[in-house]
Amino acid sequence: MLDGFGGGTHDPAVGRIARARIGARGMSWQIIIMYAVAGVLALTGAGLLLLLTRPSGPAKVYVFRMVGIMLLSGGAVLGMSAAAMQQWSGDDAAVTHAGERDAL
């Protein structure tokens, strides 16, 4: 049966939600993708801001500054969201494992 979130299956006998996990810390693909996108955004934004060290016209400086700051801050926010999601997933896994121990 579905878990109510359109995702994995729920085994009522054990109380476990089946999820795809990677690595020892239990990082899911969604979190890995979020970290990768955050890195790309931050690096692109930092690159645009570093390009401002060369002399340029006022329009180019304005655009590079605005887009660079937005990309850099977007990468930071997405990175923090991925970290919160990873922590939430770890807390969820700890609660699930505690429930399994209690059920057995």
C-alpha atoms as a PDB file:
ATOM      1  CA  MET A   1       0.000   0.000   0.000  1.00  0.00           C
ATOM      2  CA  LEU A   2       1.148   3.572  -0.589  1.00  0.00           C
ATOM      3  CA  ASP A   3       2.657   5.653   2.184  1.00  0.00           C
ATOM      4  CA  GLY A   4       0.266   8.575   1.618  1.00  0.00           C
ATOM      5  CA  PHE A   5       2.860  10.799  -0.039  1.00  0.00           C
ATOM      6  CA  GLY A   6       2.771   9.214  -3.488  1.00  0.00           C
ATOM      7  CA  GLY A   7       6.073   7.479  -2.884  1.00  0.00           C
ATOM      8  CA  GLY A   8       7.257   4.269  -1.291  1.00  0.00           C
ATOM      9  CA  THR A   9       5.385   1.391   0.197  1.00  0.00           C
ATOM     10  CA  HIS A  10       4.561   0.906   3.848  1.00  0.00           C
ATOM     11  CA  ASP A  11       4.936  -2.444   5.576  1.00  0.00           C
ATOM     12  CA  PRO A  12       2.468  -2.364   8.476  1.00  0.00           C
ATOM     13  CA  ALA A  13       4.006  -5.415  10.196  1.00  0.00           C
ATOM     14  CA  VAL A  14       7.367  -3.732  10.747  1.00  0.00           C
ATOM     15  CA  GLY A  15       6.441  -0.051  10.360  1.00  0.00           C
ATOM     16  CA  ARG A  16       9.141   0.610   7.766  1.00  0.00           C
ATOM     17  CA  ILE A  17       8.957   2.957   4.783  1.00  0.00           C
ATOM     18  CA  ALA A  18      11.002   1.609   1.876  1.00  0.00           C
ATOM     19  CA  ARG A  19      13.311   4.312   0.510  1.00  0.00           C
ATOM     20  CA  ALA A  20      16.347   4.337  -1.725  1.00  0.00           C
ATOM     21  CA  ARG A  21      19.329   5.256   0.469  1.00  0.00           C
ATOM     22  CA  ILE A  22      22.936   5.823  -0.499  1.00  0.00           C
ATOM     23  CA  GLY A  23      25.988   5.721   1.719  1.00  0.00           C
ATOM     24  CA  ALA A  24      26.445   5.117   5.403  1.00  0.00           C
ATOM     25  CA  ARG A  25      24.684   8.336   6.391  1.00  0.00           C
ATOM     26  CA  GLY A  26      21.552   7.432   4.435  1.00  0.00           C
ATOM     27  CA  MET A  27      21.640  10.252   1.899  1.00  0.00           C
ATOM     28  CA  SER A  28      18.898   9.954  -0.721  1.00  0.00           C
ATOM     29  CA  TRP A  29      19.248  10.804  -4.417  1.00  0.00           C
ATOM     30  CA  GLN A  30      17.088  13.895  -3.956  1.00  0.00           C
ATOM     31  CA  ILE A  31      19.476  15.340  -1.374  1.00  0.00           C
ATOM     32  CA  ILE A  32      22.528  14.549  -3.510  1.00  0.00           C
ATOM     33  CA  ILE A  33      20.913  16.319  -6.472  1.00  0.00           C
ATOM     34  CA  MET A  34      20.049  19.320  -4.292  1.00  0.00           C
ATOM     35  CA  TYR A  35      23.680  19.581  -3.112  1.00  0.00           C
ATOM     36  CA  ALA A  36      24.932  19.290  -6.707  1.00  0.00           C
ATOM     37  CA  VAL A  37      22.591  22.011  -7.987  1.00  0.00           C
ATOM     38  CA  ALA A  38      23.494  24.229  -5.016  1.00  0.00           C
ATOM     39  CA  GLY A  39      27.171  23.811  -5.847  1.00  0.00           C
ATOM     40  CA  VAL A  40      26.640  24.673  -9.505  1.00  0.00           C
ATOM     41  CA  LEU A  41      24.601  27.769  -8.604  1.00  0.00           C
ATOM     42  CA  ALA A  42      27.149  28.971  -6.058  1.00  0.00           C
ATOM     43  CA  LEU A  43      30.131  28.403  -8.345  1.00  0.00           C
ATOM     44  CA  THR A  44      28.435  30.119 -11.276  1.00  0.00           C
ATOM     45  CA  GLY A  45      27.472  33.096  -9.108  1.00  0.00           C
ATOM     46  CA  ALA A  46      30.971  33.361  -7.669  1.00  0.00           C
ATOM     47  CA  GLY A  47      32.419  33.163 -11.186  1.00  0.00           C
ATOM     48  CA  LEU A  48      30.225  36.008 -12.375  1.00  0.00           C
ATOM     49  CA  LEU A  49      31.227  38.130  -9.405  1.00  0.00           C
ATOM     50  CA  LEU A  50      34.906  37.384 -10.039  1.00  0.00           C
ATOM     51  CA  LEU A  51      34.493  38.510 -13.653  1.00  0.00           C
ATOM     52  CA  LEU A  52      33.690  41.980 -12.292  1.00  0.00           C
ATOM     53  CA  THR A  53      37.387  42.467 -11.533  1.00  0.00           C
ATOM     54  CA  ARG A  54      37.912  43.252 -15.230  1.00  0.00           C
ATOM     55  CA  PRO A  55      36.873  46.665 -16.516  1.00  0.00           C
ATOM     56  CA  SER A  56      33.447  46.493 -18.167  1.00  0.00           C
ATOM     57  CA  GLY A  57      30.600  48.716 -19.196  1.00  0.00           C
ATOM     58  CA  PRO A  58      27.956  49.785 -16.670  1.00  0.00           C
ATOM     59  CA  ALA A  59      25.270  47.486 -18.094  1.00  0.00           C
ATOM     60  CA  LYS A  60      27.507  44.418 -17.883  1.00  0.00           C
ATOM     61  CA  VAL A  61      28.565  45.301 -14.341  1.00  0.00           C
ATOM     62  CA  TYR A  62      24.913  45.707 -13.291  1.00  0.00           C
ATOM     63  CA  VAL A  63      23.809  42.411 -14.840  1.00  0.00           C
ATOM     64  CA  PHE A  64      26.788  40.401 -13.588  1.00  0.00           C
ATOM     65  CA  ARG A  65      26.403  41.836 -10.081  1.00  0.00           C
ATOM     66  CA  MET A  66      22.671  41.146  -9.891  1.00  0.00           C
ATOM     67  CA  VAL A  67      22.784  37.676 -11.414  1.00  0.00           C
ATOM     68  CA  GLY A  68      25.936  36.723  -9.520  1.00  0.00           C
ATOM     69  CA  ILE A  69      24.469  37.683  -6.160  1.00  0.00           C
ATOM     70  CA  MET A  70      21.186  35.921  -6.935  1.00  0.00           C
ATOM     71  CA  LEU A  71      22.929  32.707  -8.010  1.00  0.00           C
ATOM     72  CA  LEU A  72      25.269  32.749  -5.029  1.00  0.00           C
ATOM     73  CA  SER A  73      22.439  33.289  -2.563  1.00  0.00           C
ATOM     74  CA  GLY A  74      20.267  30.703  -4.337  1.00  0.00           C
ATOM     75  CA  GLY A  75      23.058  28.161  -4.003  1.00  0.00           C
ATOM     76  CA  ALA A  76      23.445  28.970  -0.306  1.00  0.00           C
ATOM     77  CA  VAL A  77      19.723  28.642   0.385  1.00  0.00           C
ATOM     78  CA  LEU A  78      19.439  25.393  -1.581  1.00  0.00           C
ATOM     79  CA  GLY A  79      22.465  24.023   0.275  1.00  0.00           C
ATOM     80  CA  MET A  80      20.864  24.877   3.625  1.00  0.00           C
ATOM     81  CA  SER A  81      17.602  23.266   2.494  1.00  0.00           C
ATOM     82  CA  ALA A  82      19.460  20.103   1.494  1.00  0.00           C
ATOM     83  CA  ALA A  83      21.206  20.016   4.871  1.00  0.00           C
ATOM     84  CA  ALA A  84      17.874  20.411   6.675  1.00  0.00           C
ATOM     85  CA  MET A  85      16.321  17.703   4.512  1.00  0.00           C
ATOM     86  CA  GLN A  86      19.244  15.376   5.245  1.00  0.00           C
ATOM     87  CA  GLN A  87      18.907  16.014   8.976  1.00  0.00           C
ATOM     88  CA  TRP A  88      15.154  15.449   8.793  1.00  0.00           C
ATOM     89  CA  SER A  89      15.709  12.178   6.931  1.00  0.00           C
ATOM     90  CA  GLY A  90      18.183  11.063   9.598  1.00  0.00           C
ATOM     91  CA  ASP A  91      15.724  11.925  12.365  1.00  0.00           C
ATOM     92  CA  ASP A  92      12.979  10.072  10.473  1.00  0.00           C
ATOM     93  CA  ALA A  93      15.201   7.006  10.100  1.00  0.00           C
ATOM     94  CA  ALA A  94      16.055   7.070  13.822  1.00  0.00           C
ATOM     95  CA  VAL A  95      12.356   7.198  14.735  1.00  0.00           C
ATOM     96  CA  THR A  96      11.584   4.374  12.275  1.00  0.00           C
ATOM     97  CA  HIS A  97      14.348   2.175  13.697  1.00  0.00           C
ATOM     98  CA  ALA A  98      13.213   2.897  17.253  1.00  0.00           C
ATOM     99  CA  GLY A  99       9.668   1.899  16.244  1.00  0.00           C
ATOM    100  CA  GLU A 100      10.987  -1.325  14.731  1.00  0.00           C
ATOM    101  CA  ARG A 101      12.824  -2.187  17.958  1.00  0.00           C
ATOM    102  CA  ASP A 102       9.654  -1.540  19.951  1.00  0.00           C
ATOM    103  CA  ALA A 103       7.581  -3.675  17.552  1.00  0.00           C
ATOM    104  CA  LEU A 104       9.958  -6.613  17.856  1.00  0.00           C
END
